[in-house]
Amino acid sequence: MDARDALIDERVLSKLKWRCRRGLLENDIFIERFFKRFETTLTVKQAQGLNVLMDLSDSDLLDLHLGRKTLAQVDSNLLQDEVREVLSMLKQPSERSP
């Protein structure tokens, strides 16, 4: 098993959540939903991808969430497997309760 496939621990998760706090409410909503859904299964690789996305401006991050821009349109350096994976996870619709 690759070390990047290992689950992150509580300390890393806590720091990651703090790092993901944004200035735009819309981004916070996407990210909060992401953590509710995936926090218990986040890997080191996914945490790295999420950190890369958190380096973006709020407007670029929102454009990616909403599909108004592609990763390549924002920055060609974003074309990494872990960034694509996390962006896909962020875009997954929330599961509704019946």
N, C-alpha and C. Protein backbone atom coordinates (compact mmCIF):
# COMPACT_ATOMS: atom_id res chain seq x y z
N MET A 1 0.85 -1.19 0.00
CA MET A 1 0.00 0.00 0.00
C MET A 1 0.89 1.25 0.00
N ASP A 2 0.58 2.16 -0.89
CA ASP A 2 1.30 3.43 -0.99
C ASP A 2 0.95 4.29 0.23
N ALA A 3 1.95 4.96 0.79
CA ALA A 3 1.73 5.80 1.97
C ALA A 3 0.71 6.91 1.70
N ARG A 4 0.60 7.33 0.45
CA ARG A 4 -0.35 8.39 0.11
C ARG A 4 -1.80 7.89 0.12
N ASP A 5 -1.97 6.56 0.18
CA ASP A 5 -3.32 5.99 0.25
C ASP A 5 -3.78 5.77 1.69
N ALA A 6 -2.89 6.05 2.65
CA ALA A 6 -3.24 5.89 4.06
C ALA A 6 -4.24 6.97 4.47
N LEU A 7 -5.10 6.63 5.43
CA LEU A 7 -6.05 7.60 5.94
C LEU A 7 -5.32 8.65 6.77
N ILE A 8 -5.82 9.89 6.72
CA ILE A 8 -5.23 10.93 7.55
C ILE A 8 -5.72 10.75 8.99
N ASP A 9 -4.93 11.24 9.94
CA ASP A 9 -5.34 11.11 11.34
C ASP A 9 -6.13 12.35 11.77
N GLU A 10 -6.64 12.31 12.99
CA GLU A 10 -7.49 13.39 13.51
C GLU A 10 -6.79 14.74 13.53
N ARG A 11 -5.52 14.74 13.87
CA ARG A 11 -4.75 15.99 13.94
C ARG A 11 -4.64 16.62 12.55
N VAL A 12 -4.32 15.82 11.57
CA VAL A 12 -4.21 16.31 10.19
C VAL A 12 -5.58 16.78 9.70
N LEU A 13 -6.62 16.03 10.02
CA LEU A 13 -7.97 16.41 9.63
C LEU A 13 -8.36 17.75 10.23
N SER A 14 -8.05 17.95 11.49
CA SER A 14 -8.37 19.21 12.15
C SER A 14 -7.66 20.39 11.48
N LYS A 15 -6.38 20.21 11.18
CA LYS A 15 -5.61 21.27 10.50
C LYS A 15 -6.17 21.54 9.11
N LEU A 16 -6.56 20.46 8.42
CA LEU A 16 -7.10 20.59 7.07
C LEU A 16 -8.42 21.36 7.10
N LYS A 17 -9.27 21.05 8.05
CA LYS A 17 -10.54 21.78 8.17
C LYS A 17 -10.29 23.26 8.42
N TRP A 18 -9.34 23.57 9.28
CA TRP A 18 -9.00 24.97 9.55
C TRP A 18 -8.49 25.66 8.29
N ARG A 19 -7.65 24.97 7.55
CA ARG A 19 -7.08 25.50 6.31
C ARG A 19 -8.15 25.77 5.26
N CYS A 20 -9.23 25.02 5.30
CA CYS A 20 -10.27 25.10 4.28
C CYS A 20 -11.30 26.20 4.54
N ARG A 21 -11.17 26.91 5.62
CA ARG A 21 -12.11 28.01 5.87
C ARG A 21 -11.93 29.08 4.80
N ARG A 22 -13.04 29.51 4.22
CA ARG A 22 -12.99 30.43 3.09
C ARG A 22 -13.72 31.73 3.39
N GLY A 23 -13.53 32.70 2.51
CA GLY A 23 -14.20 33.99 2.65
C GLY A 23 -15.59 34.03 2.04
N LEU A 24 -15.84 33.16 1.07
CA LEU A 24 -17.15 33.12 0.42
C LEU A 24 -18.01 32.03 1.06
N LEU A 25 -19.21 32.38 1.45
CA LEU A 25 -20.12 31.42 2.06
C LEU A 25 -20.37 30.23 1.14
N GLU A 26 -20.49 30.49 -0.15
CA GLU A 26 -20.76 29.41 -1.10
C GLU A 26 -19.66 28.35 -1.05
N ASN A 27 -18.42 28.78 -0.99
CA ASN A 27 -17.32 27.82 -0.89
C ASN A 27 -17.37 27.07 0.43
N ASP A 28 -17.67 27.77 1.50
CA ASP A 28 -17.78 27.11 2.81
C ASP A 28 -18.85 26.02 2.79
N ILE A 29 -19.95 26.27 2.11
CA ILE A 29 -21.03 25.29 2.03
C ILE A 29 -20.56 24.04 1.29
N PHE A 30 -19.90 24.22 0.15
CA PHE A 30 -19.37 23.07 -0.60
C PHE A 30 -18.39 22.28 0.26
N ILE A 31 -17.51 22.99 0.92
CA ILE A 31 -16.45 22.33 1.70
C ILE A 31 -17.04 21.65 2.93
N GLU A 32 -18.00 22.27 3.59
CA GLU A 32 -18.65 21.65 4.75
C GLU A 32 -19.33 20.34 4.35
N ARG A 33 -20.02 20.37 3.22
CA ARG A 33 -20.68 19.16 2.71
C ARG A 33 -19.65 18.08 2.40
N PHE A 34 -18.53 18.49 1.83
CA PHE A 34 -17.44 17.56 1.51
C PHE A 34 -16.95 16.85 2.77
N PHE A 35 -16.67 17.61 3.82
CA PHE A 35 -16.16 17.02 5.06
C PHE A 35 -17.21 16.12 5.72
N LYS A 36 -18.47 16.52 5.71
CA LYS A 36 -19.51 15.67 6.29
C LYS A 36 -19.55 14.30 5.61
N ARG A 37 -19.30 14.32 4.34
CA ARG A 37 -19.40 13.09 3.55
C ARG A 37 -18.13 12.25 3.58
N PHE A 38 -16.96 12.88 3.58
CA PHE A 38 -15.71 12.15 3.34
C PHE A 38 -14.68 12.20 4.46
N GLU A 39 -14.93 12.92 5.55
CA GLU A 39 -13.86 13.11 6.53
C GLU A 39 -13.33 11.81 7.11
N THR A 40 -14.13 10.79 7.22
CA THR A 40 -13.66 9.53 7.82
C THR A 40 -12.88 8.66 6.84
N THR A 41 -12.89 9.04 5.57
CA THR A 41 -12.21 8.21 4.56
C THR A 41 -11.14 8.98 3.79
N LEU A 42 -10.81 10.20 4.21
CA LEU A 42 -9.82 11.01 3.48
C LEU A 42 -8.43 10.41 3.58
N THR A 43 -7.78 10.33 2.45
CA THR A 43 -6.41 9.81 2.40
C THR A 43 -5.41 10.95 2.36
N VAL A 44 -4.17 10.61 2.55
CA VAL A 44 -3.08 11.59 2.46
C VAL A 44 -3.08 12.24 1.08
N LYS A 45 -3.26 11.44 0.05
CA LYS A 45 -3.27 11.95 -1.33
C LYS A 45 -4.42 12.94 -1.54
N GLN A 46 -5.60 12.61 -1.03
CA GLN A 46 -6.74 13.51 -1.18
C GLN A 46 -6.53 14.80 -0.39
N ALA A 47 -5.94 14.69 0.79
CA ALA A 47 -5.63 15.88 1.58
C ALA A 47 -4.65 16.79 0.82
N GLN A 48 -3.70 16.19 0.13
CA GLN A 48 -2.76 16.98 -0.67
C GLN A 48 -3.49 17.70 -1.79
N GLY A 49 -4.41 17.00 -2.46
CA GLY A 49 -5.19 17.63 -3.52
C GLY A 49 -6.05 18.76 -3.01
N LEU A 50 -6.65 18.57 -1.84
CA LEU A 50 -7.48 19.61 -1.25
C LEU A 50 -6.63 20.83 -0.87
N ASN A 51 -5.44 20.59 -0.36
CA ASN A 51 -4.54 21.71 -0.03
C ASN A 51 -4.18 22.52 -1.26
N VAL A 52 -3.97 21.86 -2.39
CA VAL A 52 -3.67 22.57 -3.64
C VAL A 52 -4.85 23.46 -4.01
N LEU A 53 -6.06 22.92 -3.91
CA LEU A 53 -7.24 23.72 -4.24
C LEU A 53 -7.41 24.90 -3.29
N MET A 54 -7.02 24.73 -2.05
CA MET A 54 -7.17 25.82 -1.07
C MET A 54 -6.20 26.97 -1.33
N ASP A 55 -5.20 26.75 -2.17
CA ASP A 55 -4.30 27.84 -2.54
C ASP A 55 -4.94 28.79 -3.56
N LEU A 56 -6.07 28.40 -4.12
CA LEU A 56 -6.74 29.22 -5.12
C LEU A 56 -7.50 30.37 -4.47
N SER A 57 -7.80 31.37 -5.28
CA SER A 57 -8.66 32.45 -4.81
C SER A 57 -10.07 31.91 -4.62
N ASP A 58 -10.87 32.60 -3.83
CA ASP A 58 -12.25 32.17 -3.63
C ASP A 58 -13.02 32.13 -4.94
N SER A 59 -12.82 33.10 -5.80
CA SER A 59 -13.57 33.13 -7.06
C SER A 59 -13.17 31.97 -7.97
N ASP A 60 -11.88 31.65 -8.06
CA ASP A 60 -11.46 30.51 -8.88
C ASP A 60 -12.00 29.20 -8.31
N LEU A 61 -11.97 29.07 -6.99
CA LEU A 61 -12.48 27.85 -6.37
C LEU A 61 -13.98 27.69 -6.64
N LEU A 62 -14.73 28.77 -6.53
CA LEU A 62 -16.16 28.72 -6.80
C LEU A 62 -16.42 28.40 -8.27
N ASP A 63 -15.65 29.00 -9.18
CA ASP A 63 -15.80 28.70 -10.61
C ASP A 63 -15.57 27.21 -10.89
N LEU A 64 -14.60 26.61 -10.21
CA LEU A 64 -14.37 25.17 -10.37
C LEU A 64 -15.53 24.36 -9.82
N HIS A 65 -16.01 24.73 -8.64
CA HIS A 65 -17.16 24.03 -8.04
C HIS A 65 -18.35 24.04 -8.97
N LEU A 66 -18.62 25.19 -9.54
CA LEU A 66 -19.81 25.37 -10.37
C LEU A 66 -19.61 24.95 -11.81
N GLY A 67 -18.40 24.57 -12.16
CA GLY A 67 -18.12 24.13 -13.52
C GLY A 67 -18.03 25.26 -14.53
N ARG A 68 -17.85 26.48 -14.05
CA ARG A 68 -17.71 27.62 -14.97
C ARG A 68 -16.33 27.67 -15.59
N LYS A 69 -15.36 27.03 -14.93
CA LYS A 69 -13.99 26.95 -15.45
C LYS A 69 -13.48 25.53 -15.22
N THR A 70 -12.53 25.13 -16.04
CA THR A 70 -11.86 23.85 -15.85
C THR A 70 -10.57 24.08 -15.07
N LEU A 71 -10.00 23.00 -14.60
CA LEU A 71 -8.70 23.12 -13.92
C LEU A 71 -7.67 23.78 -14.82
N ALA A 72 -7.64 23.38 -16.08
CA ALA A 72 -6.66 23.93 -17.03
C ALA A 72 -6.88 25.42 -17.24
N GLN A 73 -8.13 25.87 -17.23
CA GLN A 73 -8.41 27.30 -17.41
C GLN A 73 -7.95 28.12 -16.21
N VAL A 74 -8.00 27.53 -15.03
CA VAL A 74 -7.58 28.24 -13.83
C VAL A 74 -6.06 28.24 -13.74
N ASP A 75 -5.44 27.07 -13.89
CA ASP A 75 -3.98 26.95 -13.78
C ASP A 75 -3.58 25.55 -14.24
N SER A 76 -2.71 25.46 -15.22
CA SER A 76 -2.30 24.15 -15.74
C SER A 76 -1.58 23.30 -14.69
N ASN A 77 -1.05 23.94 -13.65
CA ASN A 77 -0.41 23.19 -12.57
C ASN A 77 -1.41 22.39 -11.74
N LEU A 78 -2.70 22.67 -11.91
CA LEU A 78 -3.73 21.95 -11.18
C LEU A 78 -4.05 20.59 -11.80
N LEU A 79 -3.49 20.32 -12.96
CA LEU A 79 -3.79 19.06 -13.65
C LEU A 79 -3.02 17.91 -13.03
N GLN A 80 -3.43 17.56 -11.82
CA GLN A 80 -2.84 16.48 -11.04
C GLN A 80 -3.97 15.53 -10.66
N ASP A 81 -3.68 14.24 -10.60
CA ASP A 81 -4.71 13.25 -10.29
C ASP A 81 -5.42 13.54 -8.98
N GLU A 82 -4.64 13.88 -7.94
CA GLU A 82 -5.27 14.10 -6.63
C GLU A 82 -6.16 15.34 -6.62
N VAL A 83 -5.81 16.36 -7.41
CA VAL A 83 -6.65 17.56 -7.49
C VAL A 83 -7.94 17.23 -8.23
N ARG A 84 -7.82 16.49 -9.33
CA ARG A 84 -9.02 16.08 -10.09
C ARG A 84 -9.96 15.25 -9.20
N GLU A 85 -9.37 14.33 -8.45
CA GLU A 85 -10.17 13.46 -7.59
C GLU A 85 -10.93 14.26 -6.54
N VAL A 86 -10.25 15.17 -5.87
CA VAL A 86 -10.90 15.95 -4.82
C VAL A 86 -11.94 16.89 -5.41
N LEU A 87 -11.66 17.49 -6.55
CA LEU A 87 -12.65 18.36 -7.18
C LEU A 87 -13.91 17.56 -7.53
N SER A 88 -13.72 16.36 -8.01
CA SER A 88 -14.86 15.48 -8.30
C SER A 88 -15.65 15.17 -7.04
N MET A 89 -14.95 14.92 -5.95
CA MET A 89 -15.61 14.66 -4.67
C MET A 89 -16.37 15.90 -4.19
N LEU A 90 -15.77 17.08 -4.36
CA LEU A 90 -16.43 18.33 -3.95
C LEU A 90 -17.71 18.57 -4.75
N LYS A 91 -17.71 18.15 -6.00
CA LYS A 91 -18.85 18.39 -6.88
C LYS A 91 -19.99 17.38 -6.70
N GLN A 92 -19.73 16.29 -5.99
CA GLN A 92 -20.78 15.28 -5.82
C GLN A 92 -21.96 15.90 -5.09
N PRO A 93 -23.15 15.66 -5.62
CA PRO A 93 -24.33 16.21 -4.94
C PRO A 93 -24.51 15.58 -3.57
N SER A 94 -25.07 16.35 -2.67
CA SER A 94 -25.29 15.81 -1.32
C SER A 94 -26.41 14.78 -1.38
N GLU A 95 -26.32 13.83 -0.47
CA GLU A 95 -27.36 12.81 -0.41
C GLU A 95 -28.50 13.37 0.43
N ARG A 96 -29.67 13.31 -0.11
CA ARG A 96 -30.85 13.84 0.56
C ARG A 96 -31.49 12.74 1.41
N SER A 97 -31.99 13.13 2.55
CA SER A 97 -32.73 12.20 3.39
C SER A 97 -34.14 12.06 2.84
N PRO A 98 -34.73 10.86 2.91
CA PRO A 98 -36.11 10.69 2.37
C PRO A 98 -37.13 11.41 3.21
